[in-house]
Amino acid sequence: LTPAQNFYCGHEIAFPAWLPRGLRLLKSRAMDREAAAVLERLKVR
C-alpha cells in the first residue's frame, strides 16, 4: 500500500455516512491530500 493507504487503513474516509462501512465509497483523493499535508507538516520527504 501507499503511505496514504497505510495512514487510513481501518480509518478510511468514506461516504455516504449512513451506509454500513463496507458499502461506502472511499474518498481516495481526500485521504491522499490529508496524508500529504501531515507529511509536509512533519517535514517528511
ModelCIF file with pLDDT and N, C-alpha, C, O atoms, coordinates in Angstrom:
data_MODEL
#
_entry.id   MODEL 
#
_entity.id                         1 
_entity.type                       polymer 
_entity.pdbx_number_of_molecules   1 
#
_entity_poly.entity_id                      1 
_entity_poly.type                           'polypeptide(L)' 
_entity_poly.nstd_linkage                   no 
_entity_poly.nstd_monomer                   no 
_entity_poly.pdbx_seq_one_letter_code       LTPAQNFYCGHEIAFPAWLPRGLRLLKSRAMDREAAAVLERLKVR 
_entity_poly.pdbx_seq_one_letter_code_can   LTPAQNFYCGHEIAFPAWLPRGLRLLKSRAMDREAAAVLERLKVR 
_entity_poly.pdbx_strand_id                 A 
#
loop_
_entity_poly_seq.entity_id 
_entity_poly_seq.num 
_entity_poly_seq.mon_id 
_entity_poly_seq.hetero 
1 1  LEU n 
1 2  THR n 
1 3  PRO n 
1 4  ALA n 
1 5  GLN n 
1 6  ASN n 
1 7  PHE n 
1 8  TYR n 
1 9  CYS n 
1 10 GLY n 
1 11 HIS n 
1 12 GLU n 
1 13 ILE n 
1 14 ALA n 
1 15 PHE n 
1 16 PRO n 
1 17 ALA n 
1 18 TRP n 
1 19 LEU n 
1 20 PRO n 
1 21 ARG n 
1 22 GLY n 
1 23 LEU n 
1 24 ARG n 
1 25 LEU n 
1 26 LEU n 
1 27 LYS n 
1 28 SER n 
1 29 ARG n 
1 30 ALA n 
1 31 MET n 
1 32 ASP n 
1 33 ARG n 
1 34 GLU n 
1 35 ALA n 
1 36 ALA n 
1 37 ALA n 
1 38 VAL n 
1 39 LEU n 
1 40 GLU n 
1 41 ARG n 
1 42 LEU n 
1 43 LYS n 
1 44 VAL n 
1 45 ARG n 
#
_struct_asym.id          A 
_struct_asym.entity_id   1 
#
loop_
_ma_qa_metric.id 
_ma_qa_metric.mode 
_ma_qa_metric.name 
_ma_qa_metric.software_group_id 
_ma_qa_metric.type 
1 global pLDDT . pLDDT 
2 local  pLDDT . pLDDT 
#
_ma_qa_metric_global.metric_id      1 
_ma_qa_metric_global.metric_value   81.96 
_ma_qa_metric_global.model_id       1 
_ma_qa_metric_global.ordinal_id     1 
#
loop_
_ma_qa_metric_local.label_asym_id 
_ma_qa_metric_local.label_comp_id 
_ma_qa_metric_local.label_seq_id 
_ma_qa_metric_local.metric_id 
_ma_qa_metric_local.metric_value 
_ma_qa_metric_local.model_id 
_ma_qa_metric_local.ordinal_id 
A LEU 1  2 89.00 1 1  
A THR 2  2 89.00 1 2  
A PRO 3  2 89.00 1 3  
A ALA 4  2 87.00 1 4  
A GLN 5  2 87.00 1 5  
A ASN 6  2 88.00 1 6  
A PHE 7  2 85.00 1 7  
A TYR 8  2 84.00 1 8  
A CYS 9  2 81.00 1 9  
A GLY 10 2 74.00 1 10 
A HIS 11 2 76.00 1 11 
A GLU 12 2 78.00 1 12 
A ILE 13 2 78.00 1 13 
A ALA 14 2 81.00 1 14 
A PHE 15 2 79.00 1 15 
A PRO 16 2 79.00 1 16 
A ALA 17 2 75.00 1 17 
A TRP 18 2 76.00 1 18 
A LEU 19 2 76.00 1 19 
A PRO 20 2 79.00 1 20 
A ARG 21 2 72.00 1 21 
A GLY 22 2 74.00 1 22 
A LEU 23 2 73.00 1 23 
A ARG 24 2 78.00 1 24 
A LEU 25 2 81.00 1 25 
A LEU 26 2 80.00 1 26 
A LYS 27 2 83.00 1 27 
A SER 28 2 85.00 1 28 
A ARG 29 2 86.00 1 29 
A ALA 30 2 87.00 1 30 
A MET 31 2 86.00 1 31 
A ASP 32 2 87.00 1 32 
A ARG 33 2 87.00 1 33 
A GLU 34 2 86.00 1 34 
A ALA 35 2 85.00 1 35 
A ALA 36 2 87.00 1 36 
A ALA 37 2 86.00 1 37 
A VAL 38 2 83.00 1 38 
A LEU 39 2 84.00 1 39 
A GLU 40 2 84.00 1 40 
A ARG 41 2 81.00 1 41 
A LEU 42 2 79.00 1 42 
A LYS 43 2 81.00 1 43 
A VAL 44 2 82.00 1 44 
A ARG 45 2 81.00 1 45 
#
loop_
_atom_site.group_PDB 
_atom_site.id 
_atom_site.type_symbol 
_atom_site.label_atom_id 
_atom_site.label_alt_id 
_atom_site.label_comp_id 
_atom_site.label_asym_id 
_atom_site.label_entity_id 
_atom_site.label_seq_id 
_atom_site.pdbx_PDB_ins_code 
_atom_site.Cartn_x 
_atom_site.Cartn_y 
_atom_site.Cartn_z 
_atom_site.occupancy 
_atom_site.B_iso_or_equiv 
_atom_site.pdbx_formal_charge 
_atom_site.auth_seq_id 
_atom_site.auth_comp_id 
_atom_site.auth_asym_id 
_atom_site.auth_atom_id 
_atom_site.pdbx_PDB_model_num 
ATOM 1   N N  . LEU A 1 1  ? 0.829   -1.207 0.000  1.00 89.00 ? 1  LEU A N  1 
ATOM 2   C CA . LEU A 1 1  ? 0.000   0.000  0.000  1.00 89.00 ? 1  LEU A CA 1 
ATOM 3   C C  . LEU A 1 1  ? 0.860   1.252  0.000  1.00 89.00 ? 1  LEU A C  1 
ATOM 4   O O  . LEU A 1 1  ? 2.024   1.210  0.400  1.00 89.00 ? 1  LEU A O  1 
ATOM 5   N N  . THR A 1 2  ? 0.295   2.363  -0.445 1.00 89.00 ? 2  THR A N  1 
ATOM 6   C CA . THR A 1 2  ? 0.981   3.648  -0.447 1.00 89.00 ? 2  THR A CA 1 
ATOM 7   C C  . THR A 1 2  ? 0.979   4.229  0.968  1.00 89.00 ? 2  THR A C  1 
ATOM 8   O O  . THR A 1 2  ? 0.278   3.715  1.840  1.00 89.00 ? 2  THR A O  1 
ATOM 9   N N  . PRO A 1 3  ? 1.757   5.301  1.211  1.00 89.00 ? 3  PRO A N  1 
ATOM 10  C CA . PRO A 1 3  ? 1.713   5.932  2.535  1.00 89.00 ? 3  PRO A CA 1 
ATOM 11  C C  . PRO A 1 3  ? 0.311   6.340  2.962  1.00 89.00 ? 3  PRO A C  1 
ATOM 12  O O  . PRO A 1 3  ? -0.079  6.093  4.103  1.00 89.00 ? 3  PRO A O  1 
ATOM 13  N N  . ALA A 1 4  ? -0.460  6.965  2.057  1.00 87.00 ? 4  ALA A N  1 
ATOM 14  C CA . ALA A 1 4  ? -1.809  7.399  2.417  1.00 87.00 ? 4  ALA A CA 1 
ATOM 15  C C  . ALA A 1 4  ? -2.699  6.213  2.744  1.00 87.00 ? 4  ALA A C  1 
ATOM 16  O O  . ALA A 1 4  ? -3.485  6.268  3.690  1.00 87.00 ? 4  ALA A O  1 
ATOM 17  N N  . GLN A 1 5  ? -2.583  5.146  1.974  1.00 87.00 ? 5  GLN A N  1 
ATOM 18  C CA . GLN A 1 5  ? -3.390  3.954  2.247  1.00 87.00 ? 5  GLN A CA 1 
ATOM 19  C C  . GLN A 1 5  ? -3.013  3.325  3.577  1.00 87.00 ? 5  GLN A C  1 
ATOM 20  O O  . GLN A 1 5  ? -3.879  2.810  4.285  1.00 87.00 ? 5  GLN A O  1 
ATOM 21  N N  . ASN A 1 6  ? -1.730  3.359  3.928  1.00 88.00 ? 6  ASN A N  1 
ATOM 22  C CA . ASN A 1 6  ? -1.310  2.875  5.237  1.00 88.00 ? 6  ASN A CA 1 
ATOM 23  C C  . ASN A 1 6  ? -1.836  3.777  6.347  1.00 88.00 ? 6  ASN A C  1 
ATOM 24  O O  . ASN A 1 6  ? -2.254  3.291  7.398  1.00 88.00 ? 6  ASN A O  1 
ATOM 25  N N  . PHE A 1 7  ? -1.817  5.092  6.117  1.00 85.00 ? 7  PHE A N  1 
ATOM 26  C CA . PHE A 1 7  ? -2.310  6.030  7.121  1.00 85.00 ? 7  PHE A CA 1 
ATOM 27  C C  . PHE A 1 7  ? -3.750  5.693  7.520  1.00 85.00 ? 7  PHE A C  1 
ATOM 28  O O  . PHE A 1 7  ? -4.080  5.656  8.705  1.00 85.00 ? 7  PHE A O  1 
ATOM 29  N N  . TYR A 1 8  ? -4.587  5.453  6.536  1.00 84.00 ? 8  TYR A N  1 
ATOM 30  C CA . TYR A 1 8  ? -6.023  5.376  6.779  1.00 84.00 ? 8  TYR A CA 1 
ATOM 31  C C  . TYR A 1 8  ? -6.573  3.955  6.754  1.00 84.00 ? 8  TYR A C  1 
ATOM 32  O O  . TYR A 1 8  ? -7.789  3.766  6.729  1.00 84.00 ? 8  TYR A O  1 
ATOM 33  N N  . CYS A 1 9  ? -5.703  2.962  6.761  1.00 81.00 ? 9  CYS A N  1 
ATOM 34  C CA . CYS A 1 9  ? -6.177  1.578  6.803  1.00 81.00 ? 9  CYS A CA 1 
ATOM 35  C C  . CYS A 1 9  ? -6.912  1.340  8.124  1.00 81.00 ? 9  CYS A C  1 
ATOM 36  O O  . CYS A 1 9  ? -6.317  1.434  9.197  1.00 81.00 ? 9  CYS A O  1 
ATOM 37  N N  . GLY A 1 10 ? -8.190  1.035  8.039  1.00 74.00 ? 10 GLY A N  1 
ATOM 38  C CA . GLY A 1 10 ? -9.018  0.894  9.238  1.00 74.00 ? 10 GLY A CA 1 
ATOM 39  C C  . GLY A 1 10 ? -9.673  2.184  9.675  1.00 74.00 ? 10 GLY A C  1 
ATOM 40  O O  . GLY A 1 10 ? -10.566 2.170  10.522 1.00 74.00 ? 10 GLY A O  1 
ATOM 41  N N  . HIS A 1 11 ? -9.240  3.307  9.107  1.00 76.00 ? 11 HIS A N  1 
ATOM 42  C CA . HIS A 1 11 ? -9.819  4.627  9.419  1.00 76.00 ? 11 HIS A CA 1 
ATOM 43  C C  . HIS A 1 11 ? -10.228 5.329  8.118  1.00 76.00 ? 11 HIS A C  1 
ATOM 44  O O  . HIS A 1 11 ? -10.163 6.555  8.036  1.00 76.00 ? 11 HIS A O  1 
ATOM 45  N N  . GLU A 1 12 ? -10.639 4.585  7.128  1.00 78.00 ? 12 GLU A N  1 
ATOM 46  C CA . GLU A 1 12 ? -10.868 5.149  5.800  1.00 78.00 ? 12 GLU A CA 1 
ATOM 47  C C  . GLU A 1 12 ? -11.903 6.279  5.814  1.00 78.00 ? 12 GLU A C  1 
ATOM 48  O O  . GLU A 1 12 ? -12.910 6.220  6.519  1.00 78.00 ? 12 GLU A O  1 
ATOM 49  N N  . ILE A 1 13 ? -11.621 7.295  5.018  1.00 78.00 ? 13 ILE A N  1 
ATOM 50  C CA . ILE A 1 13 ? -12.595 8.360  4.799  1.00 78.00 ? 13 ILE A CA 1 
ATOM 51  C C  . ILE A 1 13 ? -13.512 7.903  3.678  1.00 78.00 ? 13 ILE A C  1 
ATOM 52  O O  . ILE A 1 13 ? -13.061 7.689  2.553  1.00 78.00 ? 13 ILE A O  1 
ATOM 53  N N  . ALA A 1 14 ? -14.795 7.752  3.977  1.00 81.00 ? 14 ALA A N  1 
ATOM 54  C CA . ALA A 1 14 ? -15.726 7.186  3.006  1.00 81.00 ? 14 ALA A CA 1 
ATOM 55  C C  . ALA A 1 14 ? -17.100 7.838  3.150  1.00 81.00 ? 14 ALA A C  1 
ATOM 56  O O  . ALA A 1 14 ? -17.405 8.466  4.163  1.00 81.00 ? 14 ALA A O  1 
ATOM 57  N N  . PHE A 1 15 ? -17.915 7.674  2.118  1.00 79.00 ? 15 PHE A N  1 
ATOM 58  C CA . PHE A 1 15 ? -19.264 8.246  2.114  1.00 79.00 ? 15 PHE A CA 1 
ATOM 59  C C  . PHE A 1 15 ? -20.206 7.291  1.375  1.00 79.00 ? 15 PHE A C  1 
ATOM 60  O O  . PHE A 1 15 ? -19.733 6.417  0.647  1.00 79.00 ? 15 PHE A O  1 
ATOM 61  N N  . PRO A 1 16 ? -21.519 7.434  1.541  1.00 79.00 ? 16 PRO A N  1 
ATOM 62  C CA . PRO A 1 16 ? -22.209 8.313  2.497  1.00 79.00 ? 16 PRO A CA 1 
ATOM 63  C C  . PRO A 1 16 ? -22.194 7.701  3.894  1.00 79.00 ? 16 PRO A C  1 
ATOM 64  O O  . PRO A 1 16 ? -22.134 6.481  4.045  1.00 79.00 ? 16 PRO A O  1 
ATOM 65  N N  . ALA A 1 17 ? -22.248 8.554  4.910  1.00 75.00 ? 17 ALA A N  1 
ATOM 66  C CA . ALA A 1 17 ? -22.077 8.106  6.291  1.00 75.00 ? 17 ALA A CA 1 
ATOM 67  C C  . ALA A 1 17 ? -23.204 7.181  6.757  1.00 75.00 ? 17 ALA A C  1 
ATOM 68  O O  . ALA A 1 17 ? -23.015 6.404  7.692  1.00 75.00 ? 17 ALA A O  1 
ATOM 69  N N  . TRP A 1 18 ? -24.366 7.257  6.118  1.00 76.00 ? 18 TRP A N  1 
ATOM 70  C CA . TRP A 1 18 ? -25.500 6.466  6.600  1.00 76.00 ? 18 TRP A CA 1 
ATOM 71  C C  . TRP A 1 18 ? -25.432 5.002  6.164  1.00 76.00 ? 18 TRP A C  1 
ATOM 72  O O  . TRP A 1 18 ? -26.185 4.167  6.666  1.00 76.00 ? 18 TRP A O  1 
ATOM 73  N N  . LEU A 1 19 ? -24.543 4.696  5.243  1.00 76.00 ? 19 LEU A N  1 
ATOM 74  C CA . LEU A 1 19 ? -24.396 3.311  4.818  1.00 76.00 ? 19 LEU A CA 1 
ATOM 75  C C  . LEU A 1 19 ? -23.451 2.557  5.757  1.00 76.00 ? 19 LEU A C  1 
ATOM 76  O O  . LEU A 1 19 ? -22.598 3.182  6.387  1.00 76.00 ? 19 LEU A O  1 
ATOM 77  N N  . PRO A 1 20 ? -23.578 1.231  5.867  1.00 79.00 ? 20 PRO A N  1 
ATOM 78  C CA . PRO A 1 20 ? -22.570 0.447  6.603  1.00 79.00 ? 20 PRO A CA 1 
ATOM 79  C C  . PRO A 1 20 ? -21.194 0.669  5.982  1.00 79.00 ? 20 PRO A C  1 
ATOM 80  O O  . PRO A 1 20 ? -21.091 0.917  4.781  1.00 79.00 ? 20 PRO A O  1 
ATOM 81  N N  . ARG A 1 21 ? -20.128 0.581  6.796  1.00 72.00 ? 21 ARG A N  1 
ATOM 82  C CA . ARG A 1 21 ? -18.780 0.914  6.321  1.00 72.00 ? 21 ARG A CA 1 
ATOM 83  C C  . ARG A 1 21 ? -18.384 0.106  5.085  1.00 72.00 ? 21 ARG A C  1 
ATOM 84  O O  . ARG A 1 21 ? -17.738 0.640  4.184  1.00 72.00 ? 21 ARG A O  1 
ATOM 85  N N  . GLY A 1 22 ? -18.756 -1.147 5.032  1.00 74.00 ? 22 GLY A N  1 
ATOM 86  C CA . GLY A 1 22 ? -18.367 -1.980 3.914  1.00 74.00 ? 22 GLY A CA 1 
ATOM 87  C C  . GLY A 1 22 ? -19.011 -1.591 2.591  1.00 74.00 ? 22 GLY A C  1 
ATOM 88  O O  . GLY A 1 22 ? -18.564 -2.040 1.535  1.00 74.00 ? 22 GLY A O  1 
ATOM 89  N N  . LEU A 1 23 ? -20.056 -0.761 2.628  1.00 73.00 ? 23 LEU A N  1 
ATOM 90  C CA . LEU A 1 23 ? -20.759 -0.362 1.413  1.00 73.00 ? 23 LEU A CA 1 
ATOM 91  C C  . LEU A 1 23 ? -20.466 1.080  0.994  1.00 73.00 ? 23 LEU A C  1 
ATOM 92  O O  . LEU A 1 23 ? -20.961 1.540  -0.035 1.00 73.00 ? 23 LEU A O  1 
ATOM 93  N N  . ARG A 1 24 ? -19.671 1.787  1.783  1.00 78.00 ? 24 ARG A N  1 
ATOM 94  C CA . ARG A 1 24 ? -19.367 3.186  1.457  1.00 78.00 ? 24 ARG A CA 1 
ATOM 95  C C  . ARG A 1 24 ? -18.307 3.278  0.368  1.00 78.00 ? 24 ARG A C  1 
ATOM 96  O O  . ARG A 1 24 ? -17.548 2.336  0.141  1.00 78.00 ? 24 ARG A O  1 
ATOM 97  N N  . LEU A 1 25 ? -18.267 4.426  -0.304 1.00 81.00 ? 25 LEU A N  1 
ATOM 98  C CA . LEU A 1 25 ? -17.263 4.706  -1.326 1.00 81.00 ? 25 LEU A CA 1 
ATOM 99  C C  . LEU A 1 25 ? -16.091 5.452  -0.697 1.00 81.00 ? 25 LEU A C  1 
ATOM 100 O O  . LEU A 1 25 ? -16.285 6.403  0.060  1.00 81.00 ? 25 LEU A O  1 
ATOM 101 N N  . LEU A 1 26 ? -14.871 5.013  -1.016 1.00 80.00 ? 26 LEU A N  1 
ATOM 102 C CA . LEU A 1 26 ? -13.681 5.626  -0.442 1.00 80.00 ? 26 LEU A CA 1 
ATOM 103 C C  . LEU A 1 26 ? -13.408 6.990  -1.082 1.00 80.00 ? 26 LEU A C  1 
ATOM 104 O O  . LEU A 1 26 ? -13.572 7.173  -2.288 1.00 80.00 ? 26 LEU A O  1 
ATOM 105 N N  . LYS A 1 27 ? -12.988 7.935  -0.247 1.00 83.00 ? 27 LYS A N  1 
ATOM 106 C CA . LYS A 1 27 ? -12.552 9.239  -0.739 1.00 83.00 ? 27 LYS A CA 1 
ATOM 107 C C  . LYS A 1 27 ? -11.034 9.216  -0.870 1.00 83.00 ? 27 LYS A C  1 
ATOM 108 O O  . LYS A 1 27 ? -10.321 9.786  -0.044 1.00 83.00 ? 27 LYS A O  1 
ATOM 109 N N  . SER A 1 28 ? -10.553 8.557  -1.908 1.00 85.00 ? 28 SER A N  1 
ATOM 110 C CA . SER A 1 28 ? -9.118  8.336  -2.063 1.00 85.00 ? 28 SER A CA 1 
ATOM 111 C C  . SER A 1 28 ? -8.348  9.649  -2.175 1.00 85.00 ? 28 SER A C  1 
ATOM 112 O O  . SER A 1 28 ? -7.291  9.801  -1.562 1.00 85.00 ? 28 SER A O  1 
ATOM 113 N N  . ARG A 1 29 ? -8.869  10.594 -2.950 1.00 86.00 ? 29 ARG A N  1 
ATOM 114 C CA . ARG A 1 29 ? -8.160  11.863 -3.113 1.00 86.00 ? 29 ARG A CA 1 
ATOM 115 C C  . ARG A 1 29 ? -8.082  12.634 -1.811 1.00 86.00 ? 29 ARG A C  1 
ATOM 116 O O  . ARG A 1 29 ? -7.062  13.258 -1.517 1.00 86.00 ? 29 ARG A O  1 
ATOM 117 N N  . ALA A 1 30 ? -9.150  12.598 -1.026 1.00 87.00 ? 30 ALA A N  1 
ATOM 118 C CA . ALA A 1 30 ? -9.135  13.288 0.264  1.00 87.00 ? 30 ALA A CA 1 
ATOM 119 C C  . ALA A 1 30 ? -8.103  12.668 1.189  1.00 87.00 ? 30 ALA A C  1 
ATOM 120 O O  . ALA A 1 30 ? -7.396  13.388 1.894  1.00 87.00 ? 30 ALA A O  1 
ATOM 121 N N  . MET A 1 31 ? -8.005  11.348 1.197  1.00 86.00 ? 31 MET A N  1 
ATOM 122 C CA . MET A 1 31 ? -7.012  10.683 2.040  1.00 86.00 ? 31 MET A CA 1 
ATOM 123 C C  . MET A 1 31 ? -5.598  11.010 1.559  1.00 86.00 ? 31 MET A C  1 
ATOM 124 O O  . MET A 1 31 ? -4.699  11.225 2.373  1.00 86.00 ? 31 MET A O  1 
ATOM 125 N N  . ASP A 1 32 ? -5.399  11.049 0.237  1.00 87.00 ? 32 ASP A N  1 
ATOM 126 C CA . ASP A 1 32 ? -4.079  11.414 -0.304 1.00 87.00 ? 32 ASP A CA 1 
ATOM 127 C C  . ASP A 1 32 ? -3.700  12.828 0.122  1.00 87.00 ? 32 ASP A C  1 
ATOM 128 O O  . ASP A 1 32 ? -2.567  13.075 0.534  1.00 87.00 ? 32 ASP A O  1 
ATOM 129 N N  . ARG A 1 33 ? -4.658  13.760 0.021  1.00 87.00 ? 33 ARG A N  1 
ATOM 130 C CA . ARG A 1 33 ? -4.370  15.165 0.384  1.00 87.00 ? 33 ARG A CA 1 
ATOM 131 C C  . ARG A 1 33 ? -4.040  15.293 1.864  1.00 87.00 ? 33 ARG A C  1 
ATOM 132 O O  . ARG A 1 33 ? -3.089  15.981 2.235  1.00 87.00 ? 33 ARG A O  1 
ATOM 133 N N  . GLU A 1 34 ? -4.820  14.633 2.708  1.00 86.00 ? 34 GLU A N  1 
ATOM 134 C CA . GLU A 1 34 ? -4.591  14.767 4.145  1.00 86.00 ? 34 GLU A CA 1 
ATOM 135 C C  . GLU A 1 34 ? -3.276  14.108 4.555  1.00 86.00 ? 34 GLU A C  1 
ATOM 136 O O  . GLU A 1 34 ? -2.557  14.640 5.401  1.00 86.00 ? 34 GLU A O  1 
ATOM 137 N N  . ALA A 1 35 ? -2.956  12.963 3.968  1.00 85.00 ? 35 ALA A N  1 
ATOM 138 C CA . ALA A 1 35 ? -1.678  12.314 4.273  1.00 85.00 ? 35 ALA A CA 1 
ATOM 139 C C  . ALA A 1 35 ? -0.515  13.183 3.827  1.00 85.00 ? 35 ALA A C  1 
ATOM 140 O O  . ALA A 1 35 ? 0.472   13.316 4.550  1.00 85.00 ? 35 ALA A O  1 
ATOM 141 N N  . ALA A 1 36 ? -0.622  13.778 2.642  1.00 87.00 ? 36 ALA A N  1 
ATOM 142 C CA . ALA A 1 36 ? 0.436   14.667 2.149  1.00 87.00 ? 36 ALA A CA 1 
ATOM 143 C C  . ALA A 1 36 ? 0.596   15.875 3.060  1.00 87.00 ? 36 ALA A C  1 
ATOM 144 O O  . ALA A 1 36 ? 1.715   16.337 3.285  1.00 87.00 ? 36 ALA A O  1 
ATOM 145 N N  . ALA A 1 37 ? -0.515  16.395 3.589  1.00 86.00 ? 37 ALA A N  1 
ATOM 146 C CA . ALA A 1 37 ? -0.445  17.557 4.480  1.00 86.00 ? 37 ALA A CA 1 
ATOM 147 C C  . ALA A 1 37 ? 0.260   17.204 5.787  1.00 86.00 ? 37 ALA A C  1 
ATOM 148 O O  . ALA A 1 37 ? 1.043   17.997 6.310  1.00 86.00 ? 37 ALA A O  1 
ATOM 149 N N  . VAL A 1 38 ? -0.022  16.008 6.313  1.00 83.00 ? 38 VAL A N  1 
ATOM 150 C CA . VAL A 1 38 ? 0.649   15.572 7.547  1.00 83.00 ? 38 VAL A CA 1 
ATOM 151 C C  . VAL A 1 38 ? 2.148   15.421 7.317  1.00 83.00 ? 38 VAL A C  1 
ATOM 152 O O  . VAL A 1 38 ? 2.952   15.882 8.127  1.00 83.00 ? 38 VAL A O  1 
ATOM 153 N N  . LEU A 1 39 ? 2.526   14.778 6.219  1.00 84.00 ? 39 LEU A N  1 
ATOM 154 C CA . LEU A 1 39 ? 3.939   14.580 5.908  1.00 84.00 ? 39 LEU A CA 1 
ATOM 155 C C  . LEU A 1 39 ? 4.645   15.913 5.704  1.00 84.00 ? 39 LEU A C  1 
ATOM 156 O O  . LEU A 1 39 ? 5.793   16.083 6.114  1.00 84.00 ? 39 LEU A O  1 
ATOM 157 N N  . GLU A 1 40 ? 3.962   16.849 5.075  1.00 84.00 ? 40 GLU A N  1 
ATOM 158 C CA . GLU A 1 40 ? 4.558   18.177 4.862  1.00 84.00 ? 40 GLU A CA 1 
ATOM 159 C C  . GLU A 1 40 ? 4.734   18.899 6.189  1.00 84.00 ? 40 GLU A C  1 
ATOM 160 O O  . GLU A 1 40 ? 5.769   19.521 6.427  1.00 84.00 ? 40 GLU A O  1 
ATOM 161 N N  . ARG A 1 41 ? 3.723   18.818 7.056  1.00 81.00 ? 41 ARG A N  1 
ATOM 162 C CA . ARG A 1 41 ? 3.799   19.482 8.356  1.00 81.00 ? 41 ARG A CA 1 
ATOM 163 C C  . ARG A 1 41 ? 4.946   18.945 9.189  1.00 81.00 ? 41 ARG A C  1 
ATOM 164 O O  . ARG A 1 41 ? 5.621   19.694 9.895  1.00 81.00 ? 41 ARG A O  1 
ATOM 165 N N  . LEU A 1 42 ? 5.163   17.635 9.101  1.00 79.00 ? 42 LEU A N  1 
ATOM 166 C CA . LEU A 1 42 ? 6.227   16.999 9.875  1.00 79.00 ? 42 LEU A CA 1 
ATOM 167 C C  . LEU A 1 42 ? 7.566   16.978 9.134  1.00 79.00 ? 42 LEU A C  1 
ATOM 168 O O  . LEU A 1 42 ? 8.551   16.425 9.623  1.00 79.00 ? 42 LEU A O  1 
ATOM 169 N N  . LYS A 1 43 ? 7.582   17.594 7.939  1.00 81.00 ? 43 LYS A N  1 
ATOM 170 C CA . LYS A 1 43 ? 8.807   17.698 7.131  1.00 81.00 ? 43 LYS A CA 1 
ATOM 171 C C  . LYS A 1 43 ? 9.370   16.324 6.774  1.00 81.00 ? 43 LYS A C  1 
ATOM 172 O O  . LYS A 1 43 ? 10.583  16.114 6.783  1.00 81.00 ? 43 LYS A O  1 
ATOM 173 N N  . VAL A 1 44 ? 8.470   15.396 6.462  1.00 82.00 ? 44 VAL A N  1 
ATOM 174 C CA . VAL A 1 44 ? 8.870   14.067 5.992  1.00 82.00 ? 44 VAL A CA 1 
ATOM 175 C C  . VAL A 1 44 ? 8.912   14.104 4.475  1.00 82.00 ? 44 VAL A C  1 
ATOM 176 O O  . VAL A 1 44 ? 7.895   14.346 3.825  1.00 82.00 ? 44 VAL A O  1 
ATOM 177 N N  . ARG A 1 45 ? 10.077  13.866 3.916  1.00 81.00 ? 45 ARG A N  1 
ATOM 178 C CA . ARG A 1 45 ? 10.252  13.913 2.463  1.00 81.00 ? 45 ARG A CA 1 
ATOM 179 C C  . ARG A 1 45 ? 10.277  12.497 1.895  1.00 81.00 ? 45 ARG A C  1 
ATOM 180 O O  . ARG A 1 45 ? 10.416  12.319 0.685  1.00 81.00 ? 45 ARG A O  1 
#
